[in-house]
């Protein structure tokens, strides 16, 4: 999500990533690998219940941006199942 997903990035843009996962070990492994990249990455991590709560609220929050402007790298079915349950 963010400027790269909207194709509005510039040389000062970071890469916004969202991880929706209930497994802290997976998130830590991902974070450790991302730190090795020579890129400015903003990692937003949420548990499934946290993300569902953000979807359900009527307030504008980061989930609105993620839903509107996303490039799903892994778990397409899981992402869309959040809206059907």
C-alpha atoms as a PDB file:
ATOM      1  CA  UNK A   1       0.000   0.000   0.000  1.00  0.00           C
ATOM      2  CA  UNK A   2       1.113   3.598  -0.046  1.00  0.00           C
ATOM      3  CA  UNK A   3       2.807   5.575  -2.784  1.00  0.00           C
ATOM      4  CA  UNK A   4       4.446   2.572  -4.474  1.00  0.00           C
ATOM      5  CA  UNK A   5       1.110   0.754  -4.731  1.00  0.00           C
ATOM      6  CA  UNK A   6      -0.506   3.910  -6.137  1.00  0.00           C
ATOM      7  CA  UNK A   7       2.470   4.512  -8.454  1.00  0.00           C
ATOM      8  CA  UNK A   8       2.954   7.992  -6.996  1.00  0.00           C
ATOM      9  CA  UNK A   9       6.302   7.302  -5.350  1.00  0.00           C
ATOM     10  CA  UNK A  10       9.306   9.573  -5.708  1.00  0.00           C
ATOM     11  CA  UNK A  11      12.956   9.326  -4.693  1.00  0.00           C
ATOM     12  CA  UNK A  12      12.052  10.136  -1.060  1.00  0.00           C
ATOM     13  CA  UNK A  13       9.295   7.516  -0.740  1.00  0.00           C
ATOM     14  CA  UNK A  14       9.535   4.560   1.573  1.00  0.00           C
ATOM     15  CA  UNK A  15       7.972   1.188   0.861  1.00  0.00           C
ATOM     16  CA  UNK A  16       4.896   0.559   3.002  1.00  0.00           C
ATOM     17  CA  UNK A  17       4.321  -3.097   3.858  1.00  0.00           C
ATOM     18  CA  UNK A  18       1.489  -4.564   5.858  1.00  0.00           C
ATOM     19  CA  UNK A  19       1.730  -7.974   7.479  1.00  0.00           C
ATOM     20  CA  UNK A  20      -1.417  -9.514   8.944  1.00  0.00           C
ATOM     21  CA  UNK A  21      -0.284 -12.504  10.963  1.00  0.00           C
ATOM     22  CA  UNK A  22      -0.870 -14.083  14.351  1.00  0.00           C
ATOM     23  CA  UNK A  23       2.562 -15.724  14.450  1.00  0.00           C
ATOM     24  CA  UNK A  24       5.172 -13.489  16.111  1.00  0.00           C
ATOM     25  CA  UNK A  25       8.026 -15.759  14.993  1.00  0.00           C
ATOM     26  CA  UNK A  26       7.056 -15.307  11.338  1.00  0.00           C
ATOM     27  CA  UNK A  27       6.900 -11.538  11.773  1.00  0.00           C
ATOM     28  CA  UNK A  28      10.304 -11.466  13.468  1.00  0.00           C
ATOM     29  CA  UNK A  29      11.882 -13.552  10.683  1.00  0.00           C
ATOM     30  CA  UNK A  30      10.391 -11.264   8.065  1.00  0.00           C
ATOM     31  CA  UNK A  31      11.570  -8.146   9.906  1.00  0.00           C
ATOM     32  CA  UNK A  32      15.095  -9.570  10.237  1.00  0.00           C
ATOM     33  CA  UNK A  33      15.236 -10.263   6.489  1.00  0.00           C
ATOM     34  CA  UNK A  34      13.788  -6.883   5.524  1.00  0.00           C
ATOM     35  CA  UNK A  35      16.421  -5.100   7.620  1.00  0.00           C
ATOM     36  CA  UNK A  36      19.088  -6.587   5.358  1.00  0.00           C
ATOM     37  CA  UNK A  37      17.673  -4.875   2.272  1.00  0.00           C
ATOM     38  CA  UNK A  38      19.063  -1.479   1.236  1.00  0.00           C
ATOM     39  CA  UNK A  39      15.531  -0.053   1.123  1.00  0.00           C
ATOM     40  CA  UNK A  40      13.524   2.258   3.354  1.00  0.00           C
ATOM     41  CA  UNK A  41      10.699  -0.051   4.443  1.00  0.00           C
ATOM     42  CA  UNK A  42       7.861   0.899   6.778  1.00  0.00           C
ATOM     43  CA  UNK A  43       6.517  -2.388   8.165  1.00  0.00           C
ATOM     44  CA  UNK A  44       3.004  -2.259   9.612  1.00  0.00           C
ATOM     45  CA  UNK A  45       2.160  -5.465  11.451  1.00  0.00           C
ATOM     46  CA  UNK A  46      -1.253  -6.479  12.725  1.00  0.00           C
ATOM     47  CA  UNK A  47      -2.814  -9.582  14.198  1.00  0.00           C
ATOM     48  CA  UNK A  48      -5.866 -10.870  12.348  1.00  0.00           C
ATOM     49  CA  UNK A  49      -8.155  -9.606  15.112  1.00  0.00           C
ATOM     50  CA  UNK A  50      -6.507  -6.155  15.123  1.00  0.00           C
ATOM     51  CA  UNK A  51      -6.953  -5.792  11.378  1.00  0.00           C
ATOM     52  CA  UNK A  52     -10.565  -7.013  11.494  1.00  0.00           C
ATOM     53  CA  UNK A  53     -11.280  -4.453  14.234  1.00  0.00           C
ATOM     54  CA  UNK A  54      -9.836  -1.689  12.084  1.00  0.00           C
ATOM     55  CA  UNK A  55     -12.002  -2.797   9.151  1.00  0.00           C
ATOM     56  CA  UNK A  56     -15.123  -2.851  11.328  1.00  0.00           C
ATOM     57  CA  UNK A  57     -14.627   0.624  12.778  1.00  0.00           C
ATOM     58  CA  UNK A  58     -16.162   3.585  10.989  1.00  0.00           C
ATOM     59  CA  UNK A  59     -13.074   5.696  11.676  1.00  0.00           C
ATOM     60  CA  UNK A  60     -10.527   6.308   8.932  1.00  0.00           C
ATOM     61  CA  UNK A  61      -7.366   4.349   9.655  1.00  0.00           C
ATOM     62  CA  UNK A  62      -4.513   2.601   7.883  1.00  0.00           C
ATOM     63  CA  UNK A  63      -6.767  -0.346   6.955  1.00  0.00           C
ATOM     64  CA  UNK A  64      -8.703   1.978   4.632  1.00  0.00           C
ATOM     65  CA  UNK A  65      -5.514   2.748   2.720  1.00  0.00           C
ATOM     66  CA  UNK A  66      -4.470  -0.911   2.658  1.00  0.00           C
ATOM     67  CA  UNK A  67      -7.848  -1.999   1.318  1.00  0.00           C
ATOM     68  CA  UNK A  68      -8.005   0.770  -1.304  1.00  0.00           C
ATOM     69  CA  UNK A  69      -4.420   0.636  -2.547  1.00  0.00           C
ATOM     70  CA  UNK A  70      -2.734  -2.703  -2.216  1.00  0.00           C
ATOM     71  CA  UNK A  71      -0.420  -5.082  -3.960  1.00  0.00           C
ATOM     72  CA  UNK A  72      -0.851  -8.446  -2.276  1.00  0.00           C
ATOM     73  CA  UNK A  73       2.387 -10.413  -2.265  1.00  0.00           C
ATOM     74  CA  UNK A  74       1.209 -13.492  -0.389  1.00  0.00           C
ATOM     75  CA  UNK A  75      -2.055 -14.833   0.995  1.00  0.00           C
ATOM     76  CA  UNK A  76      -4.613 -13.318  -1.370  1.00  0.00           C
ATOM     77  CA  UNK A  77      -7.329 -15.732  -0.235  1.00  0.00           C
ATOM     78  CA  UNK A  78      -6.607 -15.053   3.421  1.00  0.00           C
ATOM     79  CA  UNK A  79      -6.722 -11.294   2.878  1.00  0.00           C
ATOM     80  CA  UNK A  80     -10.117 -11.377   1.192  1.00  0.00           C
ATOM     81  CA  UNK A  81     -11.501 -13.850   3.716  1.00  0.00           C
ATOM     82  CA  UNK A  82     -11.146 -11.081   6.343  1.00  0.00           C
ATOM     83  CA  UNK A  83     -14.101  -9.350   4.678  1.00  0.00           C
ATOM     84  CA  UNK A  84     -16.330 -12.415   4.435  1.00  0.00           C
ATOM     85  CA  UNK A  85     -16.230 -13.515   8.075  1.00  0.00           C
END
